[in-house]
Each structure stands twice: as C-alpha cells, then as structure tokens.
C-alpha cells in the first residue's frame, strides 16, 4: 500500500479556513478477503468493532475488525447487495438490494427481523435516522421511502428526482434528509412533512454519495464528474469543489470529528481531505479495481474501504496534531 501527501490541489470555490499539522501516515491494518465478487458497500458499527459489507455475490458479511475474520454471512437477498447501514448503537443492520427489498437484521445473532417491500427497482442506499426511529431507502425507481423501524411500515414516499436515486443521508438533527440522483442534483427534504425543501445544483454528472458533517454545518457530495463538493446546505450554497481524483468518485464519508473527509473513486484510490482547507492530505493506493464505498469508525481512528476487486481494506488513521 502506497501513501503520499498530495500536491497542490485546486479549490474551485471559496476558502474554508486554516489547516492543521499532519505528521503521521495512515497505516494499513489488514485486507479483508471473503467475498467472491465486487464489494459494493461497507459500514462500521458505532463501537468500531464490527464491519458489515454487501457484495455482488448477493451476501452481507459481518467481520470482526480486530481479527479480520468473518463472524457471520447473511443470506437472504436474491440479487446484488448494494447498501448496508448500522443504526447508531449497532443493534440493527439494514441492507438494500437489486432485488428491490430492504432487510433488517440483528447483527449479533444474524437473525432477519423484517423485509421491507415497496420499491419497484433496486435499492441503492439505506440510512438510519440518528434516533433510530426511521430508515430511509433510495431506489432506482426514482423515489426515496421513509420507514418506521419499529413496525417496518412505510411512513412516506418522496418523489421529485427525474432519474435513479443513488444515495440518502439524514442531517445531524434528523430534521432533513438529503438525496442524490442520476439527474445530477441533490435534494433536501423535510423529514417531518416529507416535502421537498430545496435542490442543490452544481455537479455535471451523476451524484453518487452524500455525507453530512458531524457538526451539522456541511454536506459533502461525490460525483461521476470526478469531484467532491462541500455545501452550506442551510443556505443552499456550494462552498468548495475538491479536485484530485482522475475518474468517477463513488463514495464520501466524514471522520467523526469533522476535520477529515474520505472519498473513493473509479481511479482505484481513496483520498483524505482536510475539510477546512479543502486540500488533499493523503492518497491511499493498492486496490486493483474501483473503490465503491468508504466509512470511518465513530472515533475516527479507523477507515474502511470496499472495492470492486472483492476486497476491503482497513487503515489506522492517526489523530490530528
């Protein structure tokens, strides 16, 4: 695994602030092998001890992060697993699939709690609200659905995107839901009323991934236009465009303290960005195919990335100085 500090990076819009001193390299901990086809999605539990992955092989796997061993394989989806997400306390795992369903699992036992049906096409993203009461699912049927986790009943269907919906994310206070689409836009929705609040335009290709900053001030988006954008979503304004990837950017995730952003790309790399300056602080290499998903542990010391080469890599990320 190679690691290097990035050179000069264009920040197309705005100056985000002063930087920090980074003196230690992220260190690769392990490569997880067990899936027999592309890894499409990864998620870390709240305590950072367990990792979930979904794959083209139609399975969800749970891994012990310390040992790197598979603890459970969840079979139930009949098509590619495109999305996984833990609730905040790690007691539930949601998965979304090309089979049009969302499944809720007990990660401790591997037991299937519920199968949520209602979408007319693949479910590409799932996200729990911070309070764990709601689950959002994004689908290639152009809609987002909100589900009551306790009952598995549908709360609302959000319609407005013109094409496939690629990603969903809840805001820090659960009042807003962001969605990203193949129509090149991001929409913000009022969770309580299920009504559209605003549309963010700026990307020139498919928007693949979204993440709210932990402080609740920024929204990050990854796009097939090869950029990552940072938005002041409350004002509906673009703050910065982060350029450095040489191909489609599929995934983005904030570190728990909000100082760092990770992105994964078709160019087979993971980039780490300083959120305040918009500068790339590191590029992680070693995958042989595209990076499809990235995730930080809650304490920010562990980074996971899944790849179309059927592997998952874990890095120990040193704290800021």
C-alpha atoms as a PDB file:
ATOM      1  CA  UNK A   1       0.000   0.000   0.000  1.00  0.00           C
ATOM      2  CA  UNK A   2       1.392   3.340  -1.025  1.00  0.00           C
ATOM      3  CA  UNK A   3       0.731   6.568   0.830  1.00  0.00           C
ATOM      4  CA  UNK A   4       1.767  10.023  -0.193  1.00  0.00           C
ATOM      5  CA  UNK A   5       0.904  13.618   0.528  1.00  0.00           C
ATOM      6  CA  UNK A   6      -0.964  15.174  -2.347  1.00  0.00           C
ATOM      7  CA  UNK A   7       0.453  18.121  -4.191  1.00  0.00           C
ATOM      8  CA  UNK A   8      -1.232  21.385  -4.948  1.00  0.00           C
ATOM      9  CA  UNK A   9      -4.981  20.942  -5.217  1.00  0.00           C
ATOM     10  CA  UNK A  10      -7.497  23.200  -6.834  1.00  0.00           C
ATOM     11  CA  UNK A  11     -10.218  24.516  -4.560  1.00  0.00           C
ATOM     12  CA  UNK A  12     -12.625  25.919  -7.064  1.00  0.00           C
ATOM     13  CA  UNK A  13     -14.975  27.757  -4.770  1.00  0.00           C
ATOM     14  CA  UNK A  14     -14.157  29.535  -1.530  1.00  0.00           C
ATOM     15  CA  UNK A  15     -11.514  29.265   1.152  1.00  0.00           C
ATOM     16  CA  UNK A  16     -12.526  27.014   4.028  1.00  0.00           C
ATOM     17  CA  UNK A  17     -10.059  28.144   6.667  1.00  0.00           C
ATOM     18  CA  UNK A  18      -6.658  27.381   8.114  1.00  0.00           C
ATOM     19  CA  UNK A  19      -5.140  23.922   8.063  1.00  0.00           C
ATOM     20  CA  UNK A  20      -3.745  21.527  10.625  1.00  0.00           C
ATOM     21  CA  UNK A  21      -0.440  19.799  11.132  1.00  0.00           C
ATOM     22  CA  UNK A  22      -0.434  16.192   9.937  1.00  0.00           C
ATOM     23  CA  UNK A  23       2.785  14.343  10.606  1.00  0.00           C
ATOM     24  CA  UNK A  24       1.826  10.668  10.715  1.00  0.00           C
ATOM     25  CA  UNK A  25       0.811   8.382   7.898  1.00  0.00           C
ATOM     26  CA  UNK A  26      -2.398   6.355   7.834  1.00  0.00           C
ATOM     27  CA  UNK A  27      -1.267   2.760   8.280  1.00  0.00           C
ATOM     28  CA  UNK A  28      -2.895  -0.143   6.509  1.00  0.00           C
ATOM     29  CA  UNK A  29      -4.047  -2.662   9.097  1.00  0.00           C
ATOM     30  CA  UNK A  30      -5.427  -5.511   7.020  1.00  0.00           C
ATOM     31  CA  UNK A  31      -7.064  -6.565   3.761  1.00  0.00           C
ATOM     32  CA  UNK A  32     -10.284  -8.499   4.261  1.00  0.00           C
ATOM     33  CA  UNK A  33     -10.964 -11.267   1.759  1.00  0.00           C
ATOM     34  CA  UNK A  34     -14.053 -13.441   1.680  1.00  0.00           C
ATOM     35  CA  UNK A  35     -16.485 -12.076  -0.878  1.00  0.00           C
ATOM     36  CA  UNK A  36     -16.446 -13.801  -4.251  1.00  0.00           C
ATOM     37  CA  UNK A  37     -17.421 -10.714  -6.259  1.00  0.00           C
ATOM     38  CA  UNK A  38     -17.302  -6.914  -6.080  1.00  0.00           C
ATOM     39  CA  UNK A  39     -17.798  -5.314  -2.670  1.00  0.00           C
ATOM     40  CA  UNK A  40     -20.419  -2.624  -3.225  1.00  0.00           C
ATOM     41  CA  UNK A  41     -20.831  -1.186   0.261  1.00  0.00           C
ATOM     42  CA  UNK A  42     -19.234  -1.136   3.729  1.00  0.00           C
ATOM     43  CA  UNK A  43     -20.306   0.201   7.133  1.00  0.00           C
ATOM     44  CA  UNK A  44     -18.696   0.221  10.588  1.00  0.00           C
ATOM     45  CA  UNK A  45     -20.667  -0.294  13.784  1.00  0.00           C
ATOM     46  CA  UNK A  46     -20.822   2.512  16.313  1.00  0.00           C
ATOM     47  CA  UNK A  47     -18.265   0.891  18.599  1.00  0.00           C
ATOM     48  CA  UNK A  48     -15.933   0.240  15.659  1.00  0.00           C
ATOM     49  CA  UNK A  49     -15.654  -3.466  16.460  1.00  0.00           C
ATOM     50  CA  UNK A  50     -17.751  -4.816  13.605  1.00  0.00           C
ATOM     51  CA  UNK A  51     -17.824  -4.151   9.873  1.00  0.00           C
ATOM     52  CA  UNK A  52     -20.644  -5.009   7.502  1.00  0.00           C
ATOM     53  CA  UNK A  53     -20.175  -5.426   3.757  1.00  0.00           C
ATOM     54  CA  UNK A  54     -22.509  -6.051   0.859  1.00  0.00           C
ATOM     55  CA  UNK A  55     -21.463  -7.630  -2.401  1.00  0.00           C
ATOM     56  CA  UNK A  56     -22.259  -8.580  -5.946  1.00  0.00           C
ATOM     57  CA  UNK A  57     -22.183 -12.150  -4.592  1.00  0.00           C
ATOM     58  CA  UNK A  58     -25.633 -11.402  -3.041  1.00  0.00           C
ATOM     59  CA  UNK A  59     -24.442 -11.707   0.563  1.00  0.00           C
ATOM     60  CA  UNK A  60     -23.918  -9.451   3.539  1.00  0.00           C
ATOM     61  CA  UNK A  61     -20.887 -10.331   5.627  1.00  0.00           C
ATOM     62  CA  UNK A  62     -20.078  -9.257   9.169  1.00  0.00           C
ATOM     63  CA  UNK A  63     -16.411  -9.020  10.142  1.00  0.00           C
ATOM     64  CA  UNK A  64     -14.545  -8.770  13.421  1.00  0.00           C
ATOM     65  CA  UNK A  65     -12.399  -5.700  12.853  1.00  0.00           C
ATOM     66  CA  UNK A  66      -9.760  -6.814  15.366  1.00  0.00           C
ATOM     67  CA  UNK A  67      -9.154 -10.269  13.915  1.00  0.00           C
ATOM     68  CA  UNK A  68     -10.200  -9.614  10.321  1.00  0.00           C
ATOM     69  CA  UNK A  69     -12.336 -12.746  10.407  1.00  0.00           C
ATOM     70  CA  UNK A  70     -15.869 -13.189   9.078  1.00  0.00           C
ATOM     71  CA  UNK A  71     -18.251 -13.681  12.007  1.00  0.00           C
ATOM     72  CA  UNK A  72     -21.472 -14.123  10.047  1.00  0.00           C
ATOM     73  CA  UNK A  73     -22.676 -14.359   6.462  1.00  0.00           C
ATOM     74  CA  UNK A  74     -26.228 -13.132   5.996  1.00  0.00           C
ATOM     75  CA  UNK A  75     -28.016 -14.885   3.148  1.00  0.00           C
ATOM     76  CA  UNK A  76     -31.447 -13.687   2.154  1.00  0.00           C
ATOM     77  CA  UNK A  77     -31.189 -11.282  -0.729  1.00  0.00           C
ATOM     78  CA  UNK A  78     -31.718 -12.834  -4.123  1.00  0.00           C
ATOM     79  CA  UNK A  79     -29.710 -10.214  -6.013  1.00  0.00           C
ATOM     80  CA  UNK A  80     -26.676  -7.939  -5.569  1.00  0.00           C
ATOM     81  CA  UNK A  81     -26.437  -6.204  -2.184  1.00  0.00           C
ATOM     82  CA  UNK A  82     -25.883  -2.515  -2.885  1.00  0.00           C
ATOM     83  CA  UNK A  83     -26.200  -0.909   0.558  1.00  0.00           C
ATOM     84  CA  UNK A  84     -25.638  -1.598   4.255  1.00  0.00           C
ATOM     85  CA  UNK A  85     -26.010   0.633   7.308  1.00  0.00           C
ATOM     86  CA  UNK A  86     -25.906   0.156  11.090  1.00  0.00           C
ATOM     87  CA  UNK A  87     -28.158   2.080  13.421  1.00  0.00           C
ATOM     88  CA  UNK A  88     -26.285   4.278  15.888  1.00  0.00           C
ATOM     89  CA  UNK A  89     -25.992   1.715  18.710  1.00  0.00           C
ATOM     90  CA  UNK A  90     -25.224  -1.196  16.371  1.00  0.00           C
ATOM     91  CA  UNK A  91     -28.266  -3.260  17.334  1.00  0.00           C
ATOM     92  CA  UNK A  92     -29.742  -3.268  13.828  1.00  0.00           C
ATOM     93  CA  UNK A  93     -28.284  -3.595  10.356  1.00  0.00           C
ATOM     94  CA  UNK A  94     -30.162  -2.585   7.210  1.00  0.00           C
ATOM     95  CA  UNK A  95     -29.331  -3.844   3.722  1.00  0.00           C
ATOM     96  CA  UNK A  96     -30.643  -2.822   0.319  1.00  0.00           C
ATOM     97  CA  UNK A  97     -30.525  -4.865  -2.846  1.00  0.00           C
ATOM     98  CA  UNK A  98     -31.108  -5.121  -6.546  1.00  0.00           C
ATOM     99  CA  UNK A  99     -33.946  -7.477  -5.524  1.00  0.00           C
ATOM    100  CA  UNK A 100     -35.964  -4.302  -4.661  1.00  0.00           C
ATOM    101  CA  UNK A 101     -36.087  -5.020  -0.921  1.00  0.00           C
ATOM    102  CA  UNK A 102     -34.671  -3.658   2.299  1.00  0.00           C
ATOM    103  CA  UNK A 103     -33.855  -6.165   5.016  1.00  0.00           C
ATOM    104  CA  UNK A 104     -33.377  -5.511   8.734  1.00  0.00           C
ATOM    105  CA  UNK A 105     -31.027  -7.856  10.600  1.00  0.00           C
ATOM    106  CA  UNK A 106     -29.868  -8.446  14.148  1.00  0.00           C
ATOM    107  CA  UNK A 107     -26.092  -8.278  13.680  1.00  0.00           C
ATOM    108  CA  UNK A 108     -25.447 -10.063  16.981  1.00  0.00           C
ATOM    109  CA  UNK A 109     -27.364 -13.192  16.002  1.00  0.00           C
ATOM    110  CA  UNK A 110     -27.671 -12.900  12.220  1.00  0.00           C
ATOM    111  CA  UNK A 111     -31.434 -13.206  12.527  1.00  0.00           C
ATOM    112  CA  UNK A 112     -33.599 -11.496   9.914  1.00  0.00           C
ATOM    113  CA  UNK A 113     -36.020  -9.106  11.633  1.00  0.00           C
ATOM    114  CA  UNK A 114     -38.004  -7.866   8.637  1.00  0.00           C
ATOM    115  CA  UNK A 115     -38.118  -7.490   4.876  1.00  0.00           C
ATOM    116  CA  UNK A 116     -39.414  -4.128   3.680  1.00  0.00           C
ATOM    117  CA  UNK A 117     -41.106  -4.234   0.300  1.00  0.00           C
ATOM    118  CA  UNK A 118     -42.475  -1.384  -1.775  1.00  0.00           C
ATOM    119  CA  UNK A 119     -39.821  -0.183  -4.174  1.00  0.00           C
ATOM    120  CA  UNK A 120     -40.215  -1.025  -7.851  1.00  0.00           C
ATOM    121  CA  UNK A 121     -36.490  -1.207  -8.614  1.00  0.00           C
ATOM    122  CA  UNK A 122     -33.101  -1.690  -6.950  1.00  0.00           C
ATOM    123  CA  UNK A 123     -32.458  -0.170  -3.517  1.00  0.00           C
ATOM    124  CA  UNK A 124     -29.092   1.572  -3.803  1.00  0.00           C
ATOM    125  CA  UNK A 125     -28.758   3.285  -0.406  1.00  0.00           C
ATOM    126  CA  UNK A 126     -30.121   2.969   3.123  1.00  0.00           C
ATOM    127  CA  UNK A 127     -29.670   5.220   6.152  1.00  0.00           C
ATOM    128  CA  UNK A 128     -30.971   5.218   9.727  1.00  0.00           C
ATOM    129  CA  UNK A 129     -32.031   8.435  11.406  1.00  0.00           C
ATOM    130  CA  UNK A 130     -29.803   9.356  14.334  1.00  0.00           C
ATOM    131  CA  UNK A 131     -32.550   8.493  16.828  1.00  0.00           C
ATOM    132  CA  UNK A 132     -33.005   5.107  15.118  1.00  0.00           C
ATOM    133  CA  UNK A 133     -36.740   5.518  14.611  1.00  0.00           C
ATOM    134  CA  UNK A 134     -36.715   5.958  10.848  1.00  0.00           C
ATOM    135  CA  UNK A 135     -34.963   4.295   7.929  1.00  0.00           C
ATOM    136  CA  UNK A 136     -34.593   5.927   4.519  1.00  0.00           C
ATOM    137  CA  UNK A 137     -34.097   3.966   1.315  1.00  0.00           C
ATOM    138  CA  UNK A 138     -33.104   5.292  -2.113  1.00  0.00           C
ATOM    139  CA  UNK A 139     -34.116   3.452  -5.235  1.00  0.00           C
ATOM    140  CA  UNK A 140     -33.646   3.270  -8.954  1.00  0.00           C
ATOM    141  CA  UNK A 141     -37.437   3.691  -9.151  1.00  0.00           C
ATOM    142  CA  UNK A 142     -36.650   7.444  -8.750  1.00  0.00           C
ATOM    143  CA  UNK A 143     -38.074   7.578  -5.206  1.00  0.00           C
ATOM    144  CA  UNK A 144     -36.999   7.652  -1.573  1.00  0.00           C
ATOM    145  CA  UNK A 145     -39.021   5.856   1.062  1.00  0.00           C
ATOM    146  CA  UNK A 146     -39.157   6.530   4.790  1.00  0.00           C
ATOM    147  CA  UNK A 147     -39.919   3.544   7.010  1.00  0.00           C
ATOM    148  CA  UNK A 148     -40.855   3.198  10.673  1.00  0.00           C
ATOM    149  CA  UNK A 149     -38.125   0.922  12.035  1.00  0.00           C
ATOM    150  CA  UNK A 150     -40.198  -0.461  14.918  1.00  0.00           C
ATOM    151  CA  UNK A 151     -43.056  -1.670  12.718  1.00  0.00           C
ATOM    152  CA  UNK A 152     -41.494  -1.930   9.265  1.00  0.00           C
ATOM    153  CA  UNK A 153     -44.346   0.173   7.919  1.00  0.00           C
ATOM    154  CA  UNK A 154     -43.835   2.789   5.250  1.00  0.00           C
ATOM    155  CA  UNK A 155     -44.151   6.374   6.500  1.00  0.00           C
ATOM    156  CA  UNK A 156     -43.841   8.241   3.201  1.00  0.00           C
ATOM    157  CA  UNK A 157     -42.617   8.118  -0.384  1.00  0.00           C
ATOM    158  CA  UNK A 158     -40.606  11.125  -1.550  1.00  0.00           C
ATOM    159  CA  UNK A 159     -40.921  11.918  -5.252  1.00  0.00           C
ATOM    160  CA  UNK A 160     -39.083  14.618  -7.166  1.00  0.00           C
ATOM    161  CA  UNK A 161     -35.961  13.207  -8.772  1.00  0.00           C
ATOM    162  CA  UNK A 162     -36.117  12.596 -12.515  1.00  0.00           C
ATOM    163  CA  UNK A 163     -33.846   9.550 -12.534  1.00  0.00           C
ATOM    164  CA  UNK A 164     -32.361   6.878 -10.224  1.00  0.00           C
ATOM    165  CA  UNK A 165     -31.737   7.928  -6.631  1.00  0.00           C
ATOM    166  CA  UNK A 166     -28.228   6.916  -5.652  1.00  0.00           C
ATOM    167  CA  UNK A 167     -27.840   7.959  -2.001  1.00  0.00           C
ATOM    168  CA  UNK A 168     -29.621   9.224   1.114  1.00  0.00           C
ATOM    169  CA  UNK A 169     -28.372  10.744   4.378  1.00  0.00           C
ATOM    170  CA  UNK A 170     -30.042  12.208   7.471  1.00  0.00           C
ATOM    171  CA  UNK A 171     -28.912  15.532   8.890  1.00  0.00           C
ATOM    172  CA  UNK A 172     -27.405  15.648  12.366  1.00  0.00           C
ATOM    173  CA  UNK A 173     -30.686  16.670  13.998  1.00  0.00           C
ATOM    174  CA  UNK A 174     -32.841  14.348  11.840  1.00  0.00           C
ATOM    175  CA  UNK A 175     -34.930  17.257  10.533  1.00  0.00           C
ATOM    176  CA  UNK A 176     -33.637  16.985   6.972  1.00  0.00           C
ATOM    177  CA  UNK A 177     -32.935  14.172   4.551  1.00  0.00           C
ATOM    178  CA  UNK A 178     -30.568  14.623   1.618  1.00  0.00           C
ATOM    179  CA  UNK A 179     -30.847  12.571  -1.564  1.00  0.00           C
ATOM    180  CA  UNK A 180     -28.517  12.280  -4.554  1.00  0.00           C
ATOM    181  CA  UNK A 181     -29.528  11.260  -8.031  1.00  0.00           C
ATOM    182  CA  UNK A 182     -28.525  10.281 -11.504  1.00  0.00           C
ATOM    183  CA  UNK A 183     -30.257  13.526 -12.551  1.00  0.00           C
ATOM    184  CA  UNK A 184     -27.071  15.303 -11.318  1.00  0.00           C
ATOM    185  CA  UNK A 185     -28.873  17.001  -8.407  1.00  0.00           C
ATOM    186  CA  UNK A 186     -29.110  16.816  -4.634  1.00  0.00           C
ATOM    187  CA  UNK A 187     -32.441  17.376  -2.942  1.00  0.00           C
ATOM    188  CA  UNK A 188     -33.142  18.272   0.666  1.00  0.00           C
ATOM    189  CA  UNK A 189     -36.396  17.109   2.234  1.00  0.00           C
ATOM    190  CA  UNK A 190     -38.214  17.963   5.454  1.00  0.00           C
ATOM    191  CA  UNK A 191     -38.405  14.649   7.307  1.00  0.00           C
ATOM    192  CA  UNK A 192     -41.497  15.577   9.329  1.00  0.00           C
ATOM    193  CA  UNK A 193     -43.625  16.559   6.339  1.00  0.00           C
ATOM    194  CA  UNK A 194     -41.830  14.557   3.595  1.00  0.00           C
ATOM    195  CA  UNK A 195     -41.871  17.725   1.492  1.00  0.00           C
ATOM    196  CA  UNK A 196     -39.008  18.941  -0.670  1.00  0.00           C
ATOM    197  CA  UNK A 197     -37.072  21.888   0.796  1.00  0.00           C
ATOM    198  CA  UNK A 198     -34.579  22.725  -1.938  1.00  0.00           C
ATOM    199  CA  UNK A 199     -32.498  21.382  -4.817  1.00  0.00           C
ATOM    200  CA  UNK A 200     -28.717  21.797  -4.935  1.00  0.00           C
ATOM    201  CA  UNK A 201     -27.286  22.063  -8.433  1.00  0.00           C
ATOM    202  CA  UNK A 202     -23.616  22.196  -9.359  1.00  0.00           C
ATOM    203  CA  UNK A 203     -22.448  18.723 -10.305  1.00  0.00           C
ATOM    204  CA  UNK A 204     -22.284  17.969 -14.006  1.00  0.00           C
ATOM    205  CA  UNK A 205     -22.761  14.214 -13.750  1.00  0.00           C
ATOM    206  CA  UNK A 206     -24.362  11.573 -11.523  1.00  0.00           C
ATOM    207  CA  UNK A 207     -24.193  12.320  -7.780  1.00  0.00           C
ATOM    208  CA  UNK A 208     -23.244   9.024  -6.150  1.00  0.00           C
ATOM    209  CA  UNK A 209     -22.797   9.604  -2.420  1.00  0.00           C
ATOM    210  CA  UNK A 210     -23.645  12.046   0.388  1.00  0.00           C
ATOM    211  CA  UNK A 211     -22.472  12.724   3.932  1.00  0.00           C
ATOM    212  CA  UNK A 212     -23.396  15.391   6.486  1.00  0.00           C
ATOM    213  CA  UNK A 213     -20.573  16.759   8.612  1.00  0.00           C
ATOM    214  CA  UNK A 214     -20.770  15.828  12.316  1.00  0.00           C
ATOM    215  CA  UNK A 215     -21.150  19.492  13.326  1.00  0.00           C
ATOM    216  CA  UNK A 216     -24.228  19.758  11.127  1.00  0.00           C
ATOM    217  CA  UNK A 217     -22.883  22.616   9.012  1.00  0.00           C
ATOM    218  CA  UNK A 218     -21.746  20.970   5.771  1.00  0.00           C
ATOM    219  CA  UNK A 219     -22.959  18.421   3.263  1.00  0.00           C
ATOM    220  CA  UNK A 220     -20.400  16.564   1.132  1.00  0.00           C
ATOM    221  CA  UNK A 221     -21.252  15.013  -2.225  1.00  0.00           C
ATOM    222  CA  UNK A 222     -19.318  12.703  -4.550  1.00  0.00           C
ATOM    223  CA  UNK A 223     -19.964  12.634  -8.268  1.00  0.00           C
ATOM    224  CA  UNK A 224     -19.122  10.989 -11.534  1.00  0.00           C
ATOM    225  CA  UNK A 225     -17.915  14.445 -12.645  1.00  0.00           C
ATOM    226  CA  UNK A 226     -14.739  13.413 -10.739  1.00  0.00           C
ATOM    227  CA  UNK A 227     -15.221  15.944  -7.942  1.00  0.00           C
ATOM    228  CA  UNK A 228     -16.273  16.159  -4.328  1.00  0.00           C
ATOM    229  CA  UNK A 229     -18.318  19.206  -3.378  1.00  0.00           C
ATOM    230  CA  UNK A 230     -18.902  20.781   0.024  1.00  0.00           C
ATOM    231  CA  UNK A 231     -22.188  22.610   0.519  1.00  0.00           C
ATOM    232  CA  UNK A 232     -23.590  25.040   3.057  1.00  0.00           C
ATOM    233  CA  UNK A 233     -26.888  23.225   2.804  1.00  0.00           C
ATOM    234  CA  UNK A 234     -28.753  25.606   5.099  1.00  0.00           C
ATOM    235  CA  UNK A 235     -28.083  28.448   2.660  1.00  0.00           C
ATOM    236  CA  UNK A 236     -28.275  26.188  -0.374  1.00  0.00           C
ATOM    237  CA  UNK A 237     -24.817  27.311  -1.455  1.00  0.00           C
ATOM    238  CA  UNK A 238     -21.764  25.482  -2.739  1.00  0.00           C
ATOM    239  CA  UNK A 239     -18.694  26.206  -0.592  1.00  0.00           C
ATOM    240  CA  UNK A 240     -15.935  24.297  -2.351  1.00  0.00           C
ATOM    241  CA  UNK A 241     -15.110  21.845  -5.104  1.00  0.00           C
ATOM    242  CA  UNK A 242     -12.368  19.344  -4.312  1.00  0.00           C
ATOM    243  CA  UNK A 243     -10.469  18.173  -7.378  1.00  0.00           C
ATOM    244  CA  UNK A 244      -7.861  15.447  -7.451  1.00  0.00           C
ATOM    245  CA  UNK A 245      -9.487  12.181  -8.490  1.00  0.00           C
ATOM    246  CA  UNK A 246      -8.929  11.223 -12.112  1.00  0.00           C
ATOM    247  CA  UNK A 247     -12.166   9.270 -12.560  1.00  0.00           C
ATOM    248  CA  UNK A 248     -15.691   8.904 -11.147  1.00  0.00           C
ATOM    249  CA  UNK A 249     -15.989   9.492  -7.383  1.00  0.00           C
ATOM    250  CA  UNK A 250     -18.362   6.945  -5.877  1.00  0.00           C
ATOM    251  CA  UNK A 251     -18.168   7.436  -2.122  1.00  0.00           C
ATOM    252  CA  UNK A 252     -17.600  10.025   0.583  1.00  0.00           C
ATOM    253  CA  UNK A 253     -17.511   9.947   4.399  1.00  0.00           C
ATOM    254  CA  UNK A 254     -16.640  12.394   7.194  1.00  0.00           C
ATOM    255  CA  UNK A 255     -14.439  11.445  10.119  1.00  0.00           C
ATOM    256  CA  UNK A 256     -16.204  11.684  13.471  1.00  0.00           C
ATOM    257  CA  UNK A 257     -14.551  14.952  14.482  1.00  0.00           C
ATOM    258  CA  UNK A 258     -15.424  16.514  11.132  1.00  0.00           C
ATOM    259  CA  UNK A 259     -11.856  17.557  10.294  1.00  0.00           C
ATOM    260  CA  UNK A 260     -11.277  14.961   7.590  1.00  0.00           C
ATOM    261  CA  UNK A 261     -13.200  13.674   4.597  1.00  0.00           C
ATOM    262  CA  UNK A 262     -12.534  10.416   2.744  1.00  0.00           C
ATOM    263  CA  UNK A 263     -13.512   9.751  -0.866  1.00  0.00           C
ATOM    264  CA  UNK A 264     -13.350   6.619  -3.024  1.00  0.00           C
ATOM    265  CA  UNK A 265     -13.059   6.550  -6.792  1.00  0.00           C
ATOM    266  CA  UNK A 266     -13.048   4.570 -10.004  1.00  0.00           C
ATOM    267  CA  UNK A 267      -9.361   5.597 -10.165  1.00  0.00           C
ATOM    268  CA  UNK A 268      -8.743   2.859  -7.538  1.00  0.00           C
ATOM    269  CA  UNK A 269      -7.722   5.279  -4.786  1.00  0.00           C
ATOM    270  CA  UNK A 270      -9.007   6.678  -1.524  1.00  0.00           C
ATOM    271  CA  UNK A 271      -8.252  10.327  -0.878  1.00  0.00           C
ATOM    272  CA  UNK A 272      -8.221  12.019   2.519  1.00  0.00           C
ATOM    273  CA  UNK A 273      -9.078  15.727   2.528  1.00  0.00           C
ATOM    274  CA  UNK A 274      -8.628  18.481   5.085  1.00  0.00           C
ATOM    275  CA  UNK A 275     -12.142  19.854   5.436  1.00  0.00           C
ATOM    276  CA  UNK A 276     -11.093  23.358   6.465  1.00  0.00           C
ATOM    277  CA  UNK A 277      -8.597  23.971   3.677  1.00  0.00           C
ATOM    278  CA  UNK A 278     -10.030  21.691   1.002  1.00  0.00           C
ATOM    279  CA  UNK A 279      -6.546  20.291   0.446  1.00  0.00           C
ATOM    280  CA  UNK A 280      -5.887  16.588  -0.141  1.00  0.00           C
ATOM    281  CA  UNK A 281      -3.675  15.363   2.664  1.00  0.00           C
ATOM    282  CA  UNK A 282      -3.158  11.764   1.512  1.00  0.00           C
ATOM    283  CA  UNK A 283      -3.891   9.291  -1.261  1.00  0.00           C
ATOM    284  CA  UNK A 284      -4.237   5.605  -0.376  1.00  0.00           C
ATOM    285  CA  UNK A 285      -3.477   3.133  -3.139  1.00  0.00           C
ATOM    286  CA  UNK A 286      -3.416  -0.627  -3.521  1.00  0.00           C
ATOM    287  CA  UNK A 287      -6.777  -1.687  -4.914  1.00  0.00           C
ATOM    288  CA  UNK A 288      -6.842  -3.234  -8.383  1.00  0.00           C
ATOM    289  CA  UNK A 289     -10.349  -2.010  -9.248  1.00  0.00           C
ATOM    290  CA  UNK A 290     -12.621   0.887  -8.301  1.00  0.00           C
ATOM    291  CA  UNK A 291     -13.262   1.934  -4.698  1.00  0.00           C
ATOM    292  CA  UNK A 292     -17.012   1.680  -4.210  1.00  0.00           C
ATOM    293  CA  UNK A 293     -17.510   2.632  -0.562  1.00  0.00           C
ATOM    294  CA  UNK A 294     -15.724   4.302   2.366  1.00  0.00           C
ATOM    295  CA  UNK A 295     -16.542   4.506   6.082  1.00  0.00           C
ATOM    296  CA  UNK A 296     -14.935   5.863   9.252  1.00  0.00           C
ATOM    297  CA  UNK A 297     -15.353   4.461  12.736  1.00  0.00           C
ATOM    298  CA  UNK A 298     -17.193   6.803  15.104  1.00  0.00           C
ATOM    299  CA  UNK A 299     -13.971   7.785  16.873  1.00  0.00           C
ATOM    300  CA  UNK A 300     -12.261   8.458  13.553  1.00  0.00           C
ATOM    301  CA  UNK A 301      -9.251   6.222  14.122  1.00  0.00           C
ATOM    302  CA  UNK A 302     -10.258   3.526  11.622  1.00  0.00           C
ATOM    303  CA  UNK A 303     -11.047   3.879   7.926  1.00  0.00           C
ATOM    304  CA  UNK A 304     -12.594   1.127   5.807  1.00  0.00           C
ATOM    305  CA  UNK A 305     -12.949   0.977   2.032  1.00  0.00           C
ATOM    306  CA  UNK A 306     -14.590  -1.610  -0.191  1.00  0.00           C
ATOM    307  CA  UNK A 307     -13.610  -2.322  -3.771  1.00  0.00           C
ATOM    308  CA  UNK A 308     -14.821  -3.933  -6.950  1.00  0.00           C
ATOM    309  CA  UNK A 309     -11.763  -6.192  -6.639  1.00  0.00           C
ATOM    310  CA  UNK A 310     -13.785  -8.067  -3.942  1.00  0.00           C
ATOM    311  CA  UNK A 311     -11.621  -6.870  -1.035  1.00  0.00           C
ATOM    312  CA  UNK A 312     -11.952  -4.472   1.874  1.00  0.00           C
ATOM    313  CA  UNK A 313      -9.022  -2.566   3.337  1.00  0.00           C
ATOM    314  CA  UNK A 314      -8.728  -1.123   6.834  1.00  0.00           C
ATOM    315  CA  UNK A 315      -6.374   1.693   7.827  1.00  0.00           C
ATOM    316  CA  UNK A 316      -5.470   3.065  11.232  1.00  0.00           C
ATOM    317  CA  UNK A 317      -5.738   6.862  10.951  1.00  0.00           C
ATOM    318  CA  UNK A 318      -3.663   8.855  13.443  1.00  0.00           C
ATOM    319  CA  UNK A 319      -5.323  11.749  15.283  1.00  0.00           C
ATOM    320  CA  UNK A 320      -4.634  15.327  14.254  1.00  0.00           C
ATOM    321  CA  UNK A 321      -1.731  17.122  15.863  1.00  0.00           C
END
